[in-house]
């Protein structure tokens, strides 16, 4: 399927590895020129060069902390006018409700709610003026089914979801769509580290922990960055103009619900 976005310009945050990288790859495959951002310069430039070599699109790499005001300013200056914005940032650490105080919540909100909002506020006016734009926020399956040890993430991402629900309907008439993409367990560094922690806690091998993890999903596996990226690219395409304010769950059926 031709996604109809060849020649468009996109910013993909946290895109040196994992799900962000998968989204960047899929957009590049559709002919989109990219601005990539992550904190680690070496991994970021390696991804940027691989995309240039493989797809022949323009790629600008900006190593900066997107969750900081200075980092956002640097990225937005390099990005210029965007057609597509994919927001993404690593989640806060797990824990128990008694572990967190006000500062922990402020950090989580800054990273996983206020940063995406700031990026949207910076780019939405231009998209609206030009009559076309796509925003995809990578959030979490925990928005639909909260994970007890991820209370900080649950809270911040639920706040972003509420913001998008209203804002998406205000900008849609200008040809701009905002939607959220909710990953379940995918083959990323974060999931691997959680599997390692499970193996250590239960005194089993990593392979045994991974097998049990995979068996818990209806598909018998975890997702890949490639299929996640392909979903993101479709949500950024010309074919998704009537998708507004939606929370697209990509979890292999782990969330058990009729509706």
Protein backbone atom coordinates (compact mmCIF):
# COMPACT_ATOMS: atom_id res chain seq x y z
CA UNK A 1 0.00 0.00 0.00
CA UNK A 2 1.25 3.47 -0.91
CA UNK A 3 0.94 5.50 2.29
CA UNK A 4 0.96 8.75 0.34
CA UNK A 5 3.53 10.46 2.56
CA UNK A 6 6.69 10.29 0.46
CA UNK A 7 8.58 13.57 0.78
CA UNK A 8 6.92 14.52 4.07
CA UNK A 9 9.05 15.52 7.07
CA UNK A 10 8.77 13.76 10.44
CA UNK A 11 10.26 14.01 13.90
CA UNK A 12 10.52 10.68 15.70
CA UNK A 13 11.56 10.92 19.35
CA UNK A 14 13.57 8.27 21.21
CA UNK A 15 14.33 6.69 17.86
CA UNK A 16 17.83 5.26 18.18
CA UNK A 17 16.50 1.95 19.48
CA UNK A 18 13.35 -0.04 20.14
CA UNK A 19 9.89 1.08 19.13
CA UNK A 20 10.94 4.58 18.10
CA UNK A 21 13.53 3.09 15.77
CA UNK A 22 10.89 0.78 14.33
CA UNK A 23 8.66 3.78 13.60
CA UNK A 24 11.52 5.69 12.00
CA UNK A 25 12.38 2.74 9.76
CA UNK A 26 8.80 2.30 8.60
CA UNK A 27 8.39 6.00 7.84
CA UNK A 28 11.67 6.04 5.93
CA UNK A 29 10.47 3.04 3.92
CA UNK A 30 7.46 5.18 2.96
CA UNK A 31 9.79 7.92 1.70
CA UNK A 32 9.55 10.26 4.68
CA UNK A 33 12.51 12.53 5.52
CA UNK A 34 13.38 12.27 9.19
CA UNK A 35 14.58 14.16 12.21
CA UNK A 36 15.68 11.58 14.78
CA UNK A 37 16.21 12.26 18.45
CA UNK A 38 17.65 10.32 21.37
CA UNK A 39 20.03 11.02 24.23
CA UNK A 40 22.82 8.66 23.16
CA UNK A 41 24.70 10.20 20.23
CA UNK A 42 26.53 7.05 19.10
CA UNK A 43 23.49 4.79 18.80
CA UNK A 44 21.47 7.62 17.29
CA UNK A 45 23.97 8.34 14.53
CA UNK A 46 24.30 4.62 13.78
CA UNK A 47 20.55 4.37 13.26
CA UNK A 48 20.51 7.56 11.20
CA UNK A 49 23.25 6.29 8.89
CA UNK A 50 21.58 2.91 8.47
CA UNK A 51 18.37 4.64 7.42
CA UNK A 52 20.23 6.91 4.97
CA UNK A 53 22.02 3.93 3.43
CA UNK A 54 18.93 1.73 3.25
CA UNK A 55 16.18 4.13 2.20
CA UNK A 56 17.96 7.15 0.72
CA UNK A 57 15.91 9.70 2.64
CA UNK A 58 17.23 12.79 4.39
CA UNK A 59 17.98 12.16 8.07
CA UNK A 60 18.95 14.73 10.68
CA UNK A 61 20.08 13.32 14.02
CA UNK A 62 19.84 15.45 17.17
CA UNK A 63 21.28 13.98 20.36
CA UNK A 64 19.43 15.73 23.19
CA UNK A 65 17.16 15.06 26.16
CA UNK A 66 13.72 15.72 24.72
CA UNK A 67 12.24 15.84 28.24
CA UNK A 68 14.25 18.97 29.10
CA UNK A 69 13.35 22.47 27.95
CA UNK A 70 16.81 22.99 26.44
CA UNK A 71 16.71 19.64 24.68
CA UNK A 72 13.29 20.31 23.18
CA UNK A 73 14.41 23.71 21.94
CA UNK A 74 17.42 22.15 20.20
CA UNK A 75 15.33 19.44 18.57
CA UNK A 76 12.56 21.79 17.47
CA UNK A 77 15.05 24.21 15.95
CA UNK A 78 16.58 21.40 13.89
CA UNK A 79 13.17 20.01 12.98
CA UNK A 80 11.64 23.16 11.56
CA UNK A 81 8.18 22.76 10.06
CA UNK A 82 6.96 19.18 10.39
CA UNK A 83 4.24 17.20 8.68
CA UNK A 84 4.47 14.28 11.11
CA UNK A 85 5.28 14.15 14.82
CA UNK A 86 5.87 10.90 16.69
CA UNK A 87 6.36 11.51 20.40
CA UNK A 88 8.07 8.95 22.56
CA UNK A 89 10.08 8.81 25.79
CA UNK A 90 11.21 6.07 28.13
CA UNK A 91 8.90 5.29 31.00
CA UNK A 92 9.62 6.06 34.65
CA UNK A 93 10.98 3.34 36.94
CA UNK A 94 8.70 0.71 38.47
CA UNK A 95 7.92 0.58 42.15
CA UNK A 96 5.25 0.48 44.83
CA UNK A 97 2.81 3.27 45.67
CA UNK A 98 4.62 3.97 48.94
CA UNK A 99 7.90 4.57 47.06
CA UNK A 100 6.82 7.72 45.21
CA UNK A 101 6.59 11.30 46.38
CA UNK A 102 5.73 14.54 44.62
CA UNK A 103 9.06 14.89 42.84
CA UNK A 104 8.77 11.41 41.35
CA UNK A 105 5.39 12.29 39.89
CA UNK A 106 6.66 15.63 38.55
CA UNK A 107 9.50 13.83 36.70
CA UNK A 108 7.05 11.31 35.25
CA UNK A 109 4.64 14.03 34.16
CA UNK A 110 7.46 16.05 32.58
CA UNK A 111 8.67 13.09 30.54
CA UNK A 112 5.48 11.29 29.57
CA UNK A 113 2.78 13.97 29.57
CA UNK A 114 4.14 17.51 29.45
CA UNK A 115 6.89 16.83 26.90
CA UNK A 116 4.50 15.44 24.25
CA UNK A 117 2.13 18.33 24.95
CA UNK A 118 4.93 20.88 24.50
CA UNK A 119 5.95 19.27 21.19
CA UNK A 120 2.37 19.28 19.96
CA UNK A 121 1.87 22.91 20.94
CA UNK A 122 5.01 23.83 18.99
CA UNK A 123 4.00 21.99 15.80
CA UNK A 124 0.20 21.97 15.63
CA UNK A 125 -0.24 25.62 14.56
CA UNK A 126 1.95 25.12 11.47
CA UNK A 127 0.23 21.86 10.57
CA UNK A 128 -3.15 23.55 10.87
CA UNK A 129 -2.06 26.47 8.69
CA UNK A 130 -0.85 24.05 6.00
CA UNK A 131 -4.02 21.97 6.25
CA UNK A 132 -2.37 18.62 6.95
CA UNK A 133 -0.58 16.91 9.81
CA UNK A 134 -0.23 13.68 11.75
CA UNK A 135 0.67 13.23 15.41
CA UNK A 136 1.17 9.80 16.96
CA UNK A 137 1.99 9.59 20.65
CA UNK A 138 3.58 6.32 21.76
CA UNK A 139 2.05 5.70 25.18
CA UNK A 140 1.44 2.29 26.78
CA UNK A 141 -1.03 -0.55 27.05
CA UNK A 142 -1.21 0.42 30.72
CA UNK A 143 -3.56 3.23 29.67
CA UNK A 144 -6.17 0.55 29.00
CA UNK A 145 -5.08 -1.94 31.66
CA UNK A 146 -2.99 -0.39 34.46
CA UNK A 147 0.14 -2.18 35.62
CA UNK A 148 0.42 -1.87 39.43
CA UNK A 149 4.22 -1.52 39.58
CA UNK A 150 4.12 1.19 36.89
CA UNK A 151 1.99 3.66 38.80
CA UNK A 152 4.05 6.65 37.70
CA UNK A 153 3.69 5.69 34.05
CA UNK A 154 -0.01 4.85 34.45
CA UNK A 155 -0.67 8.32 35.85
CA UNK A 156 1.34 10.37 33.37
CA UNK A 157 0.21 8.53 30.27
CA UNK A 158 -3.44 8.64 31.36
CA UNK A 159 -3.07 12.42 31.68
CA UNK A 160 -1.69 12.68 28.14
CA UNK A 161 -4.55 10.50 26.89
CA UNK A 162 -7.08 12.90 28.39
CA UNK A 163 -5.35 15.88 26.79
CA UNK A 164 -5.32 14.22 23.38
CA UNK A 165 -8.98 13.24 23.62
CA UNK A 166 -10.05 16.88 23.65
CA UNK A 167 -7.31 18.45 21.55
CA UNK A 168 -7.61 15.94 18.69
CA UNK A 169 -11.20 16.98 18.13
CA UNK A 170 -10.29 20.66 18.05
CA UNK A 171 -7.70 20.36 15.28
CA UNK A 172 -9.28 17.64 13.12
CA UNK A 173 -11.19 20.08 10.91
CA UNK A 174 -7.85 21.52 9.81
CA UNK A 175 -6.68 18.19 8.37
CA UNK A 176 -4.59 17.34 11.42
CA UNK A 177 -5.05 14.08 13.29
CA UNK A 178 -3.74 13.15 16.75
CA UNK A 179 -3.85 9.56 17.93
CA UNK A 180 -2.09 7.40 20.48
CA UNK A 181 -0.36 4.06 19.85
CA UNK A 182 -0.34 1.77 22.88
CA UNK A 183 2.35 -0.93 22.93
CA UNK A 184 2.13 -4.05 24.99
CA UNK A 185 5.20 -6.27 25.36
CA UNK A 186 7.58 -5.89 22.44
CA UNK A 187 11.15 -7.03 21.90
CA UNK A 188 12.89 -3.96 23.33
CA UNK A 189 15.66 -3.29 25.85
CA UNK A 190 13.05 -2.40 28.47
CA UNK A 191 11.20 -5.71 28.10
CA UNK A 192 14.47 -7.64 28.08
CA UNK A 193 15.54 -5.95 31.31
CA UNK A 194 12.19 -6.74 32.91
CA UNK A 195 12.54 -10.36 31.82
CA UNK A 196 16.03 -10.47 33.32
CA UNK A 197 14.63 -9.10 36.58
CA UNK A 198 11.93 -11.79 36.58
CA UNK A 199 14.53 -14.50 35.98
CA UNK A 200 16.65 -13.25 38.87
CA UNK A 201 13.68 -12.90 41.21
CA UNK A 202 12.38 -16.40 40.45
CA UNK A 203 15.85 -18.01 40.24
CA UNK A 204 15.30 -19.28 36.72
CA UNK A 205 17.16 -18.78 33.45
CA UNK A 206 16.42 -15.88 31.12
CA UNK A 207 15.19 -18.38 28.51
CA UNK A 208 12.72 -19.88 31.00
CA UNK A 209 11.45 -16.45 31.99
CA UNK A 210 11.08 -15.44 28.33
CA UNK A 211 9.20 -18.63 27.52
CA UNK A 212 6.75 -18.02 30.37
CA UNK A 213 6.38 -14.37 29.32
CA UNK A 214 5.59 -15.33 25.74
CA UNK A 215 3.16 -18.08 26.75
CA UNK A 216 1.10 -15.53 28.68
CA UNK A 217 0.20 -13.74 25.43
CA UNK A 218 -2.56 -15.13 23.17
CA UNK A 219 -0.14 -15.05 20.23
CA UNK A 220 2.46 -17.05 22.15
CA UNK A 221 5.07 -14.33 21.58
CA UNK A 222 5.90 -10.69 22.09
CA UNK A 223 5.68 -8.05 19.39
CA UNK A 224 8.41 -6.77 17.10
CA UNK A 225 9.57 -3.23 16.51
CA UNK A 226 8.95 -3.75 12.79
CA UNK A 227 5.24 -4.50 13.10
CA UNK A 228 4.85 -1.69 15.64
CA UNK A 229 6.54 0.70 13.22
CA UNK A 230 4.30 -0.41 10.36
CA UNK A 231 1.22 0.40 12.45
CA UNK A 232 2.64 3.80 13.32
CA UNK A 233 3.37 4.54 9.66
CA UNK A 234 -0.20 3.72 8.68
CA UNK A 235 -1.50 6.07 11.38
CA UNK A 236 0.71 8.78 9.80
CA UNK A 237 -0.54 8.05 6.29
CA UNK A 238 -3.08 9.78 4.05
CA UNK A 239 -5.40 6.84 4.71
CA UNK A 240 -5.81 7.71 8.42
CA UNK A 241 -7.45 11.10 8.00
CA UNK A 242 -10.69 9.92 9.64
CA UNK A 243 -8.92 8.40 12.66
CA UNK A 244 -9.18 11.04 15.36
CA UNK A 245 -8.36 10.84 19.07
CA UNK A 246 -8.05 7.06 19.10
CA UNK A 247 -6.00 4.79 21.35
CA UNK A 248 -4.73 1.96 19.18
CA UNK A 249 -3.76 -1.01 21.32
CA UNK A 250 -1.01 -3.24 19.94
CA UNK A 251 -0.53 -5.99 22.52
CA UNK A 252 -1.25 -9.32 20.84
CA UNK A 253 -4.60 -9.57 22.62
CA UNK A 254 -3.15 -9.42 26.14
CA UNK A 255 -5.84 -6.98 27.25
CA UNK A 256 -8.93 -9.15 27.60
CA UNK A 257 -12.06 -7.19 26.75
CA UNK A 258 -15.12 -7.57 24.54
CA UNK A 259 -15.06 -3.87 23.61
